[in-house]
Protein backbone atom coordinates (compact mmCIF):
# COMPACT_ATOMS: atom_id res chain seq x y z
CA UNK A 1 -13.61 -15.58 -9.44
CA UNK A 2 -15.26 -16.27 -6.08
CA UNK A 3 -13.95 -18.26 -3.17
CA UNK A 4 -16.74 -20.73 -2.25
CA UNK A 5 -15.56 -20.95 1.39
CA UNK A 6 -15.99 -17.27 2.22
CA UNK A 7 -17.87 -15.88 -0.77
CA UNK A 8 -15.21 -13.22 -1.39
CA UNK A 9 -13.61 -12.40 -4.72
CA UNK A 10 -9.96 -13.51 -4.88
CA UNK A 11 -7.39 -11.85 -7.18
CA UNK A 12 -4.04 -13.43 -7.81
CA UNK A 13 -2.09 -15.78 -5.55
CA UNK A 14 -2.06 -15.82 -1.75
CA UNK A 15 0.43 -13.16 -0.63
CA UNK A 16 2.65 -13.07 2.46
CA UNK A 17 2.85 -9.79 4.47
CA UNK A 18 6.32 -8.96 3.15
CA UNK A 19 5.00 -9.44 -0.42
CA UNK A 20 2.06 -7.08 0.19
CA UNK A 21 3.99 -4.11 1.63
CA UNK A 22 6.73 -3.37 -0.91
CA UNK A 23 8.23 -0.19 0.57
CA UNK A 24 7.30 2.96 2.50
CA UNK A 25 6.97 6.16 0.48
CA UNK A 26 9.22 8.74 2.12
CA UNK A 27 8.24 12.04 0.53
CA UNK A 28 7.60 15.54 1.82
CA UNK A 29 3.84 15.02 1.67
CA UNK A 30 4.14 11.59 3.33
CA UNK A 31 6.25 13.05 6.14
CA UNK A 32 3.60 15.71 6.72
CA UNK A 33 0.90 13.03 6.84
CA UNK A 34 2.58 10.88 9.47
CA UNK A 35 3.58 13.82 11.67
CA UNK A 36 0.16 15.53 11.61
CA UNK A 37 -2.40 12.81 10.79
CA UNK A 38 -0.61 9.60 11.88
CA UNK A 39 -1.06 8.25 8.33
CA UNK A 40 1.74 6.35 6.57
CA UNK A 41 1.96 5.87 2.78
CA UNK A 42 3.25 2.58 1.33
CA UNK A 43 3.80 1.16 -2.13
CA UNK A 44 1.86 -2.12 -2.11
CA UNK A 45 1.27 -5.10 -4.38
CA UNK A 46 -1.36 -4.39 -7.05
CA UNK A 47 -3.32 -7.54 -6.10
CA UNK A 48 -3.56 -6.66 -2.39
CA UNK A 49 -6.93 -5.71 -0.90
CA UNK A 50 -7.54 -3.27 1.94
CA UNK A 51 -8.03 -6.04 4.50
CA UNK A 52 -4.81 -7.77 3.40
CA UNK A 53 -2.91 -4.47 3.64
CA UNK A 54 -4.33 -3.84 7.12
CA UNK A 55 -3.33 -7.28 8.43
CA UNK A 56 0.14 -7.04 6.80
CA UNK A 57 0.92 -3.68 8.45
CA UNK A 58 -0.31 -4.93 11.81
CA UNK A 59 1.84 -8.07 11.55
CA UNK A 60 5.01 -6.43 10.19
CA UNK A 61 5.09 -3.32 12.40
CA UNK A 62 3.09 -4.41 15.46
CA UNK A 63 0.65 -1.47 15.36
CA UNK A 64 -3.13 -1.06 15.32
CA UNK A 65 -4.56 0.12 11.98
CA UNK A 66 -7.60 2.36 12.02
CA UNK A 67 -8.20 2.90 8.27
CA UNK A 68 -6.68 2.03 4.88
CA UNK A 69 -7.12 4.13 1.73
CA UNK A 70 -5.80 2.90 -1.63
CA UNK A 71 -5.00 4.50 -4.98
CA UNK A 72 -3.98 2.94 -8.28
CA UNK A 73 -1.39 5.29 -9.78
CA UNK A 74 -1.15 5.25 -13.57
CA UNK A 75 2.30 4.94 -15.12
CA UNK A 76 3.85 8.09 -16.57
CA UNK A 77 4.73 8.52 -20.23
CA UNK A 78 8.48 8.45 -20.82
CA UNK A 79 10.42 9.05 -23.99
CA UNK A 80 13.50 7.12 -25.03
CA UNK A 81 15.11 8.36 -28.24
CA UNK A 82 12.33 8.31 -30.85
CA UNK A 83 9.85 6.13 -28.98
CA UNK A 84 7.35 6.95 -26.27
CA UNK A 85 6.74 4.30 -23.63
CA UNK A 86 4.80 4.04 -20.39
CA UNK A 87 6.13 3.20 -16.94
CA UNK A 88 4.19 0.49 -15.10
CA UNK A 89 1.15 1.41 -12.99
CA UNK A 90 1.42 0.82 -9.23
CA UNK A 91 -0.74 0.80 -6.12
CA UNK A 92 -0.38 3.16 -3.16
CA UNK A 93 -1.92 2.64 0.28
CA UNK A 94 -2.28 5.30 2.98
CA UNK A 95 -2.59 3.55 6.35
CA UNK A 96 -3.98 5.53 9.29
CA UNK A 97 -2.95 4.26 12.74
CA UNK A 98 -4.49 4.67 16.20
CA UNK A 99 -3.40 7.79 18.08
CA UNK A 100 -0.98 5.95 20.41
CA UNK A 101 0.83 3.95 17.68
CA UNK A 102 3.81 5.08 15.62
CA UNK A 103 6.10 3.52 12.99
CA UNK A 104 9.76 4.53 13.09
CA UNK A 105 11.44 4.46 9.66
CA UNK A 106 14.66 6.21 10.64
């Protein structure tokens, strides 16, 4: 589906910044990334694009975003009694900030 005003493909409804960024991912690898590379991982809405993620982080945290990388993580297989099910897939974004900017989670 294309938006005739801009000529850009639109997926899903219009999202607010707090609907795009769902939560930060605080893991050992994520901590290493933001201490050494100034890159912060977030769990984001599956419909969000890189430009929407960039503008949402800039608006919510008041920082300058240099680059956004995204991954779609497939849901893991889980077993419950005699059945095997699948957890839902989710989207991860790694946001790299300018050298002077920081986000404080703690």
